[in-house]
Amino acid sequence: MKKQIITLTLLLSLCFSAWAQKEYKVAKSTGKLHLNLNGAVIEGYDGNEIIFSSQKTQEEEDERAKGLQAISGTGYKDNTGMGINVTENGQDIHVNMVGNRIDKDLLKIHVPKQFSITFTYHKTLQAELIVINNIKGEIELSTSYNKVKLENNSGPMNIKAIYGSVDVAFENDIKGPVSIISVYDYVDVALPASTKANIELGTSYGKLYAADDFNITVTERNVEKEEGARGHGATAISGTATRTADTPRGTINGAPTPPIAPVAPVVEDRTLGFVYRGSERENIKGTINGGGVDLIFKSNYKNVYLRTR
């Protein structure tokens, strides 16, 4: 019996060593975190350190690379052992991917809640999910192919995605301005029904949906009941009485191509930083509960969903 217990203990210790968690810490309670990664899970917490963690199995370790350091054509060197370079410059922490980071799980980053976050990634390969939760500072995000999920963040917030969808859930402590845009995929936002906001919703080729619980005051409104996979329990709303939606045709790397508009003028929205092509757009400006923080939710080619939380 004693021999069996010893054997079991040895097996368990081998399993834990084969699946070890790597960590890298930076002592910093406030500042701005600049991320250039293919994906990550970022979690705000009550602490005074930035903690980077990653799971790696023993089989993933390259025996030939022992004693060597990963380098990249970008000039960054892996100074963490996790395929990333972390450098500190005053209140700014810069994190860059070194080479092709292809770990099976996303890099996890615990950040003091008051930190501001800047996330940028515009490469086509290895674009993974971006998750940001419980951050009280400002969030800026610009990405091409990543899907984005944001929850319990206060703002201000400026989110720009090209081919990826954006899912957002707010709590009551929203600080504006907040701008959330996806060009080729949907934008899905959950707000407390008691939110006081100046709101703008827009799409060129999709539809706008809002929960009936929101008392949105708009200048022009056309209501049409429609049920769908994501629009169930919501109402399609319009800023004009004659708008019809076109259907995108074809794909580019899995993303829909722009619909053909022979005589469509180019409309540039300098505030949002995108150029839209289309003869007309669904655009609604109004207020919720008398007005308050400034909120902008837009998708060029897909739908926008505004639901209660």
Protein backbone atom coordinates (compact mmCIF):
# COMPACT_ATOMS: atom_id res chain seq x y z
CA MET A 1 0.00 0.00 0.00
CA LYS A 2 2.83 2.33 0.92
CA LYS A 3 4.55 1.58 -2.39
CA GLN A 4 1.34 2.43 -4.30
CA ILE A 5 1.02 5.78 -2.53
CA ILE A 6 4.64 6.62 -3.36
CA THR A 7 4.09 5.66 -7.01
CA LEU A 8 0.91 7.79 -7.21
CA THR A 9 2.73 10.76 -5.67
CA LEU A 10 5.53 10.47 -8.23
CA LEU A 11 3.05 10.31 -11.10
CA LEU A 12 1.20 13.39 -9.86
CA SER A 13 4.43 15.36 -9.47
CA LEU A 14 5.42 14.42 -13.03
CA CYS A 15 2.03 15.59 -14.33
CA PHE A 16 2.31 18.95 -12.57
CA SER A 17 5.87 19.49 -13.83
CA ALA A 18 4.77 18.60 -17.38
CA TRP A 19 2.03 21.25 -17.20
CA ALA A 20 3.73 24.14 -15.47
CA GLN A 21 2.55 27.73 -15.43
CA LYS A 22 5.07 30.37 -16.36
CA GLU A 23 4.78 33.85 -14.87
CA TYR A 24 6.44 37.19 -15.44
CA LYS A 25 5.71 40.15 -13.15
CA VAL A 26 6.19 43.91 -13.37
CA ALA A 27 5.71 45.99 -10.22
CA LYS A 28 3.44 48.82 -11.36
CA SER A 29 0.10 49.99 -9.90
CA THR A 30 -0.83 52.71 -12.42
CA GLY A 31 0.11 53.60 -15.98
CA LYS A 32 -0.63 52.53 -19.53
CA LEU A 33 -0.20 49.04 -20.99
CA HIS A 34 0.61 48.95 -24.73
CA LEU A 35 -0.05 45.51 -26.26
CA ASN A 36 0.94 44.29 -29.72
CA LEU A 37 -0.14 40.64 -29.49
CA ASN A 38 -2.14 38.16 -31.55
CA GLY A 39 -4.59 37.72 -28.66
CA ALA A 40 -4.85 37.79 -24.88
CA VAL A 41 -7.13 37.59 -21.86
CA ILE A 42 -6.72 40.78 -19.83
CA GLU A 43 -8.24 40.91 -16.36
CA GLY A 44 -8.33 43.94 -14.07
CA TYR A 45 -7.78 43.24 -10.37
CA ASP A 46 -7.01 44.98 -7.07
CA GLY A 47 -3.23 44.74 -6.98
CA ASN A 48 0.05 46.54 -7.69
CA GLU A 49 1.66 44.22 -10.25
CA ILE A 50 1.15 43.31 -13.89
CA ILE A 51 1.23 39.52 -14.03
CA PHE A 52 1.77 37.69 -17.33
CA SER A 53 1.02 33.97 -17.19
CA SER A 54 1.06 31.14 -19.72
CA GLN A 55 0.57 27.38 -19.60
CA LYS A 56 3.13 25.22 -21.39
CA THR A 57 3.46 21.47 -21.51
CA GLN A 58 6.85 19.85 -21.37
CA GLU A 59 6.45 18.55 -24.92
CA GLU A 60 6.24 22.14 -26.15
CA GLU A 61 9.70 22.98 -24.79
CA ASP A 62 12.38 22.87 -27.50
CA GLU A 63 15.37 21.02 -26.08
CA ARG A 64 17.61 22.47 -28.79
CA ALA A 65 16.69 26.02 -27.71
CA LYS A 66 17.95 25.62 -24.13
CA GLY A 67 20.44 28.35 -23.30
CA LEU A 68 19.31 30.41 -26.30
CA GLN A 69 16.97 33.40 -26.55
CA ALA A 70 14.15 33.81 -29.08
CA ILE A 71 14.69 36.77 -31.40
CA SER A 72 12.64 38.37 -34.18
CA GLY A 73 13.06 40.47 -37.31
CA THR A 74 11.26 43.23 -35.41
CA GLY A 75 14.30 43.55 -33.14
CA TYR A 76 12.48 42.34 -30.03
CA LYS A 77 13.94 39.60 -27.85
CA ASP A 78 11.99 37.23 -25.64
CA ASN A 79 12.93 38.48 -22.16
CA THR A 80 10.11 36.66 -20.38
CA GLY A 81 10.35 33.05 -21.56
CA MET A 82 6.78 33.28 -22.87
CA GLY A 83 7.35 34.46 -26.43
CA ILE A 84 6.89 38.15 -25.61
CA ASN A 85 9.08 41.17 -24.96
CA VAL A 86 8.15 43.42 -22.03
CA THR A 87 9.82 46.82 -21.64
CA GLU A 88 9.14 49.67 -19.23
CA ASN A 89 9.36 53.36 -20.10
CA GLY A 90 8.20 55.55 -17.24
CA GLN A 91 4.49 54.91 -16.74
CA ASP A 92 4.24 53.02 -20.04
CA ILE A 93 4.64 49.24 -20.30
CA HIS A 94 5.16 47.93 -23.85
CA VAL A 95 4.45 44.28 -24.70
CA ASN A 96 5.37 42.90 -28.13
CA MET A 97 5.12 39.42 -29.58
CA VAL A 98 8.45 37.83 -30.51
CA GLY A 99 8.25 35.66 -33.63
CA ASN A 100 5.23 33.41 -34.05
CA ARG A 101 3.60 32.85 -30.69
CA ILE A 102 1.54 29.67 -31.15
CA ASP A 103 0.79 28.52 -27.60
CA LYS A 104 -2.36 26.44 -27.26
CA ASP A 105 -3.86 28.83 -24.72
CA LEU A 106 -4.13 32.60 -24.75
CA LEU A 107 -1.66 34.69 -22.81
CA LYS A 108 -3.28 35.84 -19.56
CA ILE A 109 -2.50 39.27 -18.16
CA HIS A 110 -3.65 40.47 -14.73
CA VAL A 111 -3.54 44.27 -14.56
CA PRO A 112 -4.31 46.73 -11.76
CA LYS A 113 -7.83 48.00 -12.49
CA GLN A 114 -6.87 51.66 -12.90
CA PHE A 115 -4.49 50.94 -15.80
CA SER A 116 -5.23 52.19 -19.31
CA ILE A 117 -4.99 49.62 -22.12
CA THR A 118 -3.90 50.06 -25.74
CA PHE A 119 -4.18 46.96 -27.96
CA THR A 120 -3.06 46.86 -31.62
CA TYR A 121 -2.81 43.88 -33.99
CA HIS A 122 -3.23 44.04 -37.78
CA LYS A 123 -1.62 40.84 -39.05
CA THR A 124 -3.75 38.26 -40.85
CA LEU A 125 -2.22 35.12 -39.33
CA GLN A 126 -2.78 33.71 -35.83
CA ALA A 127 -5.30 36.38 -34.85
CA GLU A 128 -6.88 35.08 -31.66
CA LEU A 129 -9.61 36.25 -29.30
CA ILE A 130 -9.11 39.46 -27.34
CA VAL A 131 -10.83 39.52 -23.94
CA ILE A 132 -10.69 42.56 -21.63
CA ASN A 133 -12.54 42.52 -18.29
CA ASN A 134 -12.84 44.78 -15.23
CA ILE A 135 -10.67 47.70 -16.38
CA LYS A 136 -11.46 51.15 -14.97
CA GLY A 137 -9.01 53.08 -17.15
CA GLU A 138 -9.21 54.07 -20.82
CA ILE A 139 -9.23 51.33 -23.47
CA GLU A 140 -8.06 51.82 -27.07
CA LEU A 141 -8.19 48.86 -29.44
CA SER A 142 -7.43 48.62 -33.15
CA THR A 143 -7.43 45.21 -34.84
CA SER A 144 -8.06 43.57 -38.21
CA TYR A 145 -9.03 39.91 -37.73
CA ASN A 146 -9.41 39.43 -33.97
CA LYS A 147 -12.75 38.87 -32.29
CA VAL A 148 -13.24 41.14 -29.30
CA LYS A 149 -15.07 40.53 -26.01
CA LEU A 150 -15.30 43.27 -23.38
CA GLU A 151 -17.04 42.98 -20.02
CA ASN A 152 -17.43 45.22 -16.96
CA ASN A 153 -15.08 47.92 -18.26
CA SER A 154 -15.83 51.56 -17.40
CA GLY A 155 -14.36 53.47 -20.30
CA PRO A 156 -13.58 55.84 -21.95
CA MET A 157 -13.31 53.41 -24.85
CA ASN A 158 -12.34 53.53 -28.54
CA ILE A 159 -12.73 50.14 -30.25
CA LYS A 160 -12.09 49.64 -33.99
CA ALA A 161 -12.28 46.16 -35.54
CA ILE A 162 -12.24 45.45 -39.28
CA TYR A 163 -13.15 41.77 -39.80
CA GLY A 164 -13.88 40.70 -36.21
CA SER A 165 -17.07 40.93 -34.18
CA VAL A 166 -17.31 42.96 -30.97
CA ASP A 167 -19.31 41.82 -27.91
CA VAL A 168 -19.56 44.29 -25.03
CA ALA A 169 -21.32 44.19 -21.65
CA PHE A 170 -21.34 47.30 -19.45
CA GLU A 171 -22.18 47.86 -15.81
CA ASN A 172 -23.54 51.11 -14.37
CA ASP A 173 -20.25 53.03 -14.03
CA ILE A 174 -19.80 54.00 -17.68
CA LYS A 175 -17.46 56.88 -18.49
CA GLY A 176 -17.69 58.40 -21.93
CA PRO A 177 -16.96 58.89 -24.66
CA VAL A 178 -17.38 55.30 -25.90
CA SER A 179 -16.99 54.41 -29.60
CA ILE A 180 -17.31 50.78 -30.73
CA ILE A 181 -17.10 49.93 -34.44
CA SER A 182 -16.72 46.79 -36.55
CA VAL A 183 -16.60 47.20 -40.32
CA TYR A 184 -17.41 43.66 -41.53
CA ASP A 185 -18.91 41.95 -38.47
CA TYR A 186 -21.59 42.61 -35.87
CA VAL A 187 -21.49 44.82 -32.79
CA ASP A 188 -23.44 43.48 -29.79
CA VAL A 189 -23.77 45.72 -26.73
CA ALA A 190 -25.49 45.10 -23.38
CA LEU A 191 -26.31 48.11 -21.22
CA PRO A 192 -28.19 48.50 -17.93
CA ALA A 193 -31.70 49.76 -18.72
CA SER A 194 -31.12 52.72 -16.38
CA THR A 195 -28.17 54.04 -18.44
CA LYS A 196 -28.36 57.76 -19.24
CA ALA A 197 -26.69 58.36 -22.58
CA ASN A 198 -26.49 60.32 -25.81
CA ILE A 199 -26.44 57.48 -28.31
CA GLU A 200 -25.60 57.03 -31.98
CA LEU A 201 -26.28 53.77 -33.83
CA GLY A 202 -25.26 53.19 -37.43
CA THR A 203 -24.96 50.65 -40.24
CA SER A 204 -24.66 50.84 -44.02
CA TYR A 205 -25.82 47.35 -45.09
CA GLY A 206 -27.13 45.74 -41.89
CA LYS A 207 -29.91 46.47 -39.43
CA LEU A 208 -30.17 48.18 -36.08
CA TYR A 209 -31.80 46.32 -33.17
CA ALA A 210 -32.66 47.65 -29.73
CA ALA A 211 -34.43 46.15 -26.72
CA ASP A 212 -37.89 47.56 -26.08
CA ASP A 213 -36.79 48.35 -22.50
CA PHE A 214 -34.73 51.26 -23.79
CA ASN A 215 -36.63 54.49 -24.19
CA ILE A 216 -34.63 55.84 -27.13
CA THR A 217 -35.70 59.28 -28.25
CA VAL A 218 -34.76 59.80 -31.93
CA THR A 219 -35.63 62.42 -34.54
CA GLU A 220 -37.08 59.90 -37.04
CA ARG A 221 -38.07 56.32 -36.34
CA ASN A 222 -39.51 53.40 -38.29
CA VAL A 223 -40.28 50.24 -36.26
CA GLU A 224 -40.48 46.78 -37.83
CA LYS A 225 -40.79 43.58 -35.78
CA GLU A 226 -38.33 40.89 -36.83
CA GLU A 227 -36.91 37.83 -35.07
CA GLY A 228 -33.44 36.42 -35.68
CA ALA A 229 -30.66 34.47 -34.06
CA ARG A 230 -29.24 37.52 -32.30
CA GLY A 231 -32.17 39.90 -32.75
CA HIS A 232 -34.78 37.84 -30.86
CA GLY A 233 -36.63 39.95 -28.33
CA ALA A 234 -35.40 43.18 -29.94
CA THR A 235 -36.93 45.65 -32.35
CA ALA A 236 -35.41 46.66 -35.68
CA ILE A 237 -35.26 50.45 -35.74
CA SER A 238 -34.48 52.92 -38.51
CA GLY A 239 -33.47 56.54 -38.87
CA THR A 240 -35.44 56.85 -42.12
CA ALA A 241 -38.79 55.55 -43.34
CA THR A 242 -37.53 54.21 -46.70
CA ARG A 243 -34.29 52.34 -45.88
CA THR A 244 -33.71 48.85 -47.35
CA ALA A 245 -30.71 46.59 -46.55
CA ASP A 246 -28.45 45.16 -49.26
CA THR A 247 -26.85 41.74 -48.96
CA PRO A 248 -23.03 41.51 -49.14
CA ARG A 249 -21.69 39.17 -51.83
CA GLY A 250 -18.52 37.07 -51.75
CA THR A 251 -15.82 36.80 -49.13
CA ILE A 252 -12.22 37.86 -48.58
CA ASN A 253 -10.40 35.59 -46.12
CA GLY A 254 -13.74 34.61 -44.61
CA ALA A 255 -14.99 38.20 -44.40
CA PRO A 256 -17.76 39.61 -46.66
CA THR A 257 -16.76 41.87 -49.53
CA PRO A 258 -18.40 45.28 -49.95
CA PRO A 259 -21.68 45.29 -51.90
CA ILE A 260 -21.51 46.90 -55.33
CA ALA A 261 -22.75 50.48 -55.37
CA PRO A 262 -22.23 51.89 -58.91
CA VAL A 263 -22.85 55.54 -58.19
CA ALA A 264 -22.30 55.58 -54.46
CA PRO A 265 -20.34 58.55 -53.16
CA VAL A 266 -17.54 58.20 -50.62
CA VAL A 267 -18.60 59.37 -47.18
CA GLU A 268 -15.82 59.95 -44.67
CA ASP A 269 -16.54 60.04 -40.95
CA ARG A 270 -13.46 61.73 -39.51
CA THR A 271 -14.67 61.27 -35.95
CA LEU A 272 -14.67 57.48 -36.31
CA GLY A 273 -11.65 57.14 -38.58
CA PHE A 274 -13.34 54.99 -41.26
CA VAL A 275 -14.42 55.67 -44.85
CA TYR A 276 -17.86 54.34 -45.82
CA ARG A 277 -19.10 53.72 -49.37
CA GLY A 278 -22.81 53.68 -49.86
CA SER A 279 -25.70 55.70 -51.19
CA GLU A 280 -27.33 55.91 -47.76
CA ARG A 281 -26.76 54.71 -44.21
CA GLU A 282 -28.93 53.81 -41.28
CA ASN A 283 -27.90 56.33 -38.67
CA ILE A 284 -29.80 57.12 -35.50
CA LYS A 285 -28.91 59.81 -33.01
CA GLY A 286 -30.89 60.11 -29.85
CA THR A 287 -30.95 59.87 -26.08
CA ILE A 288 -31.62 57.18 -23.48
CA ASN A 289 -33.23 58.23 -20.20
CA GLY A 290 -32.79 61.92 -20.99
CA GLY A 291 -29.15 61.79 -22.14
CA GLY A 292 -25.77 61.47 -20.47
CA VAL A 293 -22.51 59.79 -21.57
CA ASP A 294 -21.70 59.76 -25.30
CA LEU A 295 -22.02 56.28 -26.87
CA ILE A 296 -21.39 55.31 -30.53
CA PHE A 297 -22.09 51.77 -31.78
CA LYS A 298 -21.65 51.05 -35.50
CA SER A 299 -21.14 48.24 -38.00
CA ASN A 300 -20.73 48.91 -41.69
CA TYR A 301 -21.80 45.56 -43.20
CA LYS A 302 -23.49 43.69 -40.33
CA ASN A 303 -26.05 44.37 -37.64
CA VAL A 304 -25.86 46.38 -34.43
CA TYR A 305 -27.58 44.95 -31.33
CA LEU A 306 -28.40 46.99 -28.26
CA ARG A 307 -29.77 44.87 -25.41
CA THR A 308 -30.41 45.31 -21.71
CA ARG A 309 -28.26 43.74 -19.09
